[in-house]
Amino acid sequence: MCTYSVKIDDAVMEKVRPSIDSGMDENAWVQMQVETLFTQMAVNMNLMNSEKKMLSQRLRGIGHAPKDFDYKKELENRF
């Protein structure tokens, strides 16, 4: 596990402090928030990579379309 030192503006912390469960350690709460944010970012990055891979596969498919394939007609039929 990695360890980082994080500085948070006191004014910002004062604004979010009411959302911390009473009795919960602030350090543990910040840890939980950072882990949640990083997990969401990792999921979004995986989705973006999947979308890029799908686009790449679709673009490769265009290069192998039949000679008389009508791209405009195909798009009209999709929508």
N, C-alpha and C. Protein backbone atom coordinates (compact mmCIF):
# COMPACT_ATOMS: atom_id res chain seq x y z
N MET A 1 0.85 -1.17 0.00
CA MET A 1 0.00 0.00 0.00
C MET A 1 0.89 1.23 0.00
N CYS A 2 0.52 2.23 -0.79
CA CYS A 2 1.26 3.48 -0.88
C CYS A 2 0.81 4.44 0.22
N THR A 3 1.72 5.28 0.66
CA THR A 3 1.40 6.29 1.65
C THR A 3 1.73 7.66 1.08
N TYR A 4 0.77 8.58 1.19
CA TYR A 4 0.95 9.94 0.69
C TYR A 4 0.59 10.93 1.78
N SER A 5 1.18 12.07 1.72
CA SER A 5 0.83 13.16 2.63
C SER A 5 -0.06 14.11 1.85
N VAL A 6 -1.22 14.42 2.39
CA VAL A 6 -2.19 15.27 1.68
C VAL A 6 -2.49 16.49 2.53
N LYS A 7 -2.53 17.65 1.89
CA LYS A 7 -2.90 18.87 2.59
C LYS A 7 -4.25 19.32 2.07
N ILE A 8 -5.15 19.65 2.99
CA ILE A 8 -6.49 20.09 2.63
C ILE A 8 -6.73 21.46 3.25
N ASP A 9 -7.21 22.37 2.45
CA ASP A 9 -7.50 23.73 2.93
C ASP A 9 -8.48 23.66 4.10
N ASP A 10 -8.17 24.36 5.18
CA ASP A 10 -9.03 24.35 6.37
C ASP A 10 -10.46 24.79 6.04
N ALA A 11 -10.60 25.79 5.18
CA ALA A 11 -11.94 26.28 4.84
C ALA A 11 -12.75 25.20 4.13
N VAL A 12 -12.10 24.43 3.27
CA VAL A 12 -12.78 23.34 2.56
C VAL A 12 -13.17 22.25 3.56
N MET A 13 -12.25 21.92 4.45
CA MET A 13 -12.53 20.89 5.44
C MET A 13 -13.68 21.28 6.34
N GLU A 14 -13.77 22.54 6.70
CA GLU A 14 -14.87 23.01 7.54
C GLU A 14 -16.21 22.83 6.83
N LYS A 15 -16.21 23.01 5.52
CA LYS A 15 -17.46 22.86 4.75
C LYS A 15 -17.92 21.41 4.69
N VAL A 16 -16.98 20.47 4.62
CA VAL A 16 -17.37 19.06 4.50
C VAL A 16 -17.47 18.35 5.85
N ARG A 17 -16.94 18.94 6.88
CA ARG A 17 -16.93 18.31 8.20
C ARG A 17 -18.31 17.85 8.65
N PRO A 18 -19.40 18.61 8.40
CA PRO A 18 -20.72 18.13 8.83
C PRO A 18 -21.15 16.79 8.19
N SER A 19 -20.56 16.45 7.05
CA SER A 19 -20.94 15.20 6.40
C SER A 19 -20.19 13.98 6.96
N ILE A 20 -19.24 14.22 7.83
CA ILE A 20 -18.49 13.11 8.45
C ILE A 20 -19.33 12.56 9.60
N ASP A 21 -19.51 11.25 9.59
CA ASP A 21 -20.28 10.60 10.66
C ASP A 21 -19.67 10.94 12.01
N SER A 22 -20.54 11.23 12.96
CA SER A 22 -20.02 11.54 14.30
C SER A 22 -19.29 10.33 14.85
N GLY A 23 -18.17 10.59 15.45
CA GLY A 23 -17.37 9.51 16.01
C GLY A 23 -16.39 8.92 15.02
N MET A 24 -16.52 9.25 13.73
CA MET A 24 -15.58 8.71 12.74
C MET A 24 -14.33 9.58 12.71
N ASP A 25 -13.20 8.93 12.67
CA ASP A 25 -11.92 9.64 12.59
C ASP A 25 -11.83 10.37 11.26
N GLU A 26 -11.45 11.65 11.29
CA GLU A 26 -11.35 12.43 10.05
C GLU A 26 -10.35 11.84 9.08
N ASN A 27 -9.24 11.33 9.59
CA ASN A 27 -8.24 10.72 8.70
C ASN A 27 -8.82 9.51 7.98
N ALA A 28 -9.58 8.70 8.70
CA ALA A 28 -10.21 7.53 8.09
C ALA A 28 -11.23 7.96 7.04
N TRP A 29 -11.95 9.04 7.33
CA TRP A 29 -12.96 9.54 6.39
C TRP A 29 -12.29 10.03 5.11
N VAL A 30 -11.20 10.79 5.26
CA VAL A 30 -10.47 11.29 4.09
C VAL A 30 -9.93 10.11 3.29
N GLN A 31 -9.38 9.10 3.97
CA GLN A 31 -8.88 7.90 3.31
C GLN A 31 -9.98 7.24 2.48
N MET A 32 -11.16 7.11 3.08
CA MET A 32 -12.29 6.49 2.40
C MET A 32 -12.70 7.29 1.16
N GLN A 33 -12.71 8.62 1.28
CA GLN A 33 -13.09 9.47 0.16
C GLN A 33 -12.10 9.34 -1.00
N VAL A 34 -10.81 9.34 -0.67
CA VAL A 34 -9.78 9.23 -1.71
C VAL A 34 -9.86 7.88 -2.39
N GLU A 35 -10.04 6.81 -1.62
CA GLU A 35 -10.16 5.47 -2.21
C GLU A 35 -11.37 5.37 -3.12
N THR A 36 -12.49 5.97 -2.70
CA THR A 36 -13.70 5.96 -3.53
C THR A 36 -13.46 6.71 -4.84
N LEU A 37 -12.85 7.88 -4.74
CA LEU A 37 -12.56 8.69 -5.93
C LEU A 37 -11.64 7.94 -6.89
N PHE A 38 -10.57 7.35 -6.35
CA PHE A 38 -9.62 6.64 -7.19
C PHE A 38 -10.25 5.41 -7.84
N THR A 39 -11.11 4.72 -7.10
CA THR A 39 -11.80 3.56 -7.66
C THR A 39 -12.69 3.97 -8.82
N GLN A 40 -13.42 5.07 -8.65
CA GLN A 40 -14.28 5.57 -9.72
C GLN A 40 -13.45 5.97 -10.94
N MET A 41 -12.32 6.61 -10.69
CA MET A 41 -11.45 7.01 -11.80
C MET A 41 -10.93 5.79 -12.55
N ALA A 42 -10.55 4.75 -11.82
CA ALA A 42 -10.04 3.52 -12.45
C ALA A 42 -11.12 2.86 -13.30
N VAL A 43 -12.35 2.83 -12.80
CA VAL A 43 -13.46 2.24 -13.56
C VAL A 43 -13.69 3.06 -14.82
N ASN A 44 -13.70 4.39 -14.70
CA ASN A 44 -13.91 5.24 -15.87
C ASN A 44 -12.80 5.06 -16.90
N MET A 45 -11.57 4.90 -16.44
CA MET A 45 -10.46 4.68 -17.37
C MET A 45 -10.62 3.35 -18.09
N ASN A 46 -11.07 2.32 -17.38
CA ASN A 46 -11.30 1.02 -18.01
C ASN A 46 -12.40 1.12 -19.06
N LEU A 47 -13.47 1.87 -18.74
CA LEU A 47 -14.55 2.04 -19.71
C LEU A 47 -14.06 2.78 -20.94
N MET A 48 -13.27 3.83 -20.73
CA MET A 48 -12.75 4.59 -21.87
C MET A 48 -11.86 3.71 -22.73
N ASN A 49 -11.03 2.88 -22.10
CA ASN A 49 -10.16 1.99 -22.86
C ASN A 49 -10.98 0.97 -23.64
N SER A 50 -12.05 0.47 -23.04
CA SER A 50 -12.92 -0.48 -23.73
C SER A 50 -13.58 0.17 -24.94
N GLU A 51 -14.05 1.41 -24.76
CA GLU A 51 -14.69 2.12 -25.86
C GLU A 51 -13.69 2.37 -26.98
N LYS A 52 -12.46 2.72 -26.65
CA LYS A 52 -11.43 2.93 -27.67
C LYS A 52 -11.15 1.64 -28.42
N LYS A 53 -11.12 0.53 -27.68
CA LYS A 53 -10.86 -0.76 -28.31
C LYS A 53 -12.00 -1.13 -29.27
N MET A 54 -13.25 -0.88 -28.83
CA MET A 54 -14.40 -1.17 -29.69
C MET A 54 -14.37 -0.30 -30.94
N LEU A 55 -14.04 0.98 -30.78
CA LEU A 55 -13.96 1.88 -31.92
C LEU A 55 -12.88 1.42 -32.88
N SER A 56 -11.75 1.01 -32.33
CA SER A 56 -10.66 0.53 -33.16
C SER A 56 -11.09 -0.69 -33.96
N GLN A 57 -11.82 -1.61 -33.33
CA GLN A 57 -12.29 -2.80 -34.02
C GLN A 57 -13.29 -2.43 -35.12
N ARG A 58 -14.17 -1.48 -34.81
CA ARG A 58 -15.16 -1.06 -35.81
C ARG A 58 -14.48 -0.39 -37.00
N LEU A 59 -13.46 0.43 -36.72
CA LEU A 59 -12.75 1.10 -37.81
C LEU A 59 -11.99 0.09 -38.67
N ARG A 60 -11.44 -0.93 -38.03
CA ARG A 60 -10.77 -1.98 -38.79
C ARG A 60 -11.76 -2.70 -39.70
N GLY A 61 -12.98 -2.85 -39.20
CA GLY A 61 -14.03 -3.51 -39.99
C GLY A 61 -14.37 -2.74 -41.25
N ILE A 62 -14.29 -1.41 -41.18
CA ILE A 62 -14.58 -0.59 -42.36
C ILE A 62 -13.60 -0.91 -43.48
N GLY A 63 -12.35 -1.13 -43.11
CA GLY A 63 -11.33 -1.45 -44.12
C GLY A 63 -11.58 -2.76 -44.82
N HIS A 64 -12.42 -3.63 -44.25
CA HIS A 64 -12.69 -4.94 -44.83
C HIS A 64 -14.12 -5.05 -45.37
N ALA A 65 -14.79 -3.92 -45.52
CA ALA A 65 -16.15 -3.95 -46.04
C ALA A 65 -16.14 -4.30 -47.53
N PRO A 66 -17.23 -4.90 -48.03
CA PRO A 66 -17.30 -5.21 -49.46
C PRO A 66 -17.15 -3.96 -50.31
N LYS A 67 -16.68 -4.14 -51.52
CA LYS A 67 -16.40 -3.01 -52.41
C LYS A 67 -17.63 -2.15 -52.67
N ASP A 68 -18.82 -2.76 -52.79
CA ASP A 68 -20.03 -2.00 -53.11
C ASP A 68 -20.84 -1.62 -51.86
N PHE A 69 -20.23 -1.69 -50.67
CA PHE A 69 -20.92 -1.37 -49.42
C PHE A 69 -21.24 0.12 -49.38
N ASP A 70 -22.50 0.46 -49.05
CA ASP A 70 -22.94 1.85 -49.01
C ASP A 70 -22.97 2.33 -47.55
N TYR A 71 -21.96 3.09 -47.17
CA TYR A 71 -21.83 3.55 -45.79
C TYR A 71 -22.98 4.47 -45.39
N LYS A 72 -23.37 5.37 -46.29
CA LYS A 72 -24.47 6.31 -45.99
C LYS A 72 -25.77 5.56 -45.73
N LYS A 73 -26.04 4.56 -46.56
CA LYS A 73 -27.26 3.77 -46.39
C LYS A 73 -27.22 3.01 -45.07
N GLU A 74 -26.06 2.47 -44.72
CA GLU A 74 -25.90 1.75 -43.46
C GLU A 74 -26.19 2.65 -42.26
N LEU A 75 -25.68 3.88 -42.31
CA LEU A 75 -25.94 4.82 -41.22
C LEU A 75 -27.41 5.21 -41.15
N GLU A 76 -28.05 5.41 -42.27
CA GLU A 76 -29.47 5.75 -42.30
C GLU A 76 -30.29 4.62 -41.68
N ASN A 77 -29.92 3.39 -41.94
CA ASN A 77 -30.66 2.24 -41.40
C ASN A 77 -30.46 2.08 -39.89
N ARG A 78 -29.31 2.55 -39.38
CA ARG A 78 -29.04 2.44 -37.95
C ARG A 78 -29.91 3.38 -37.13
N PHE A 79 -30.15 4.56 -37.63
CA PHE A 79 -30.86 5.57 -36.84
C PHE A 79 -32.23 5.73 -37.37
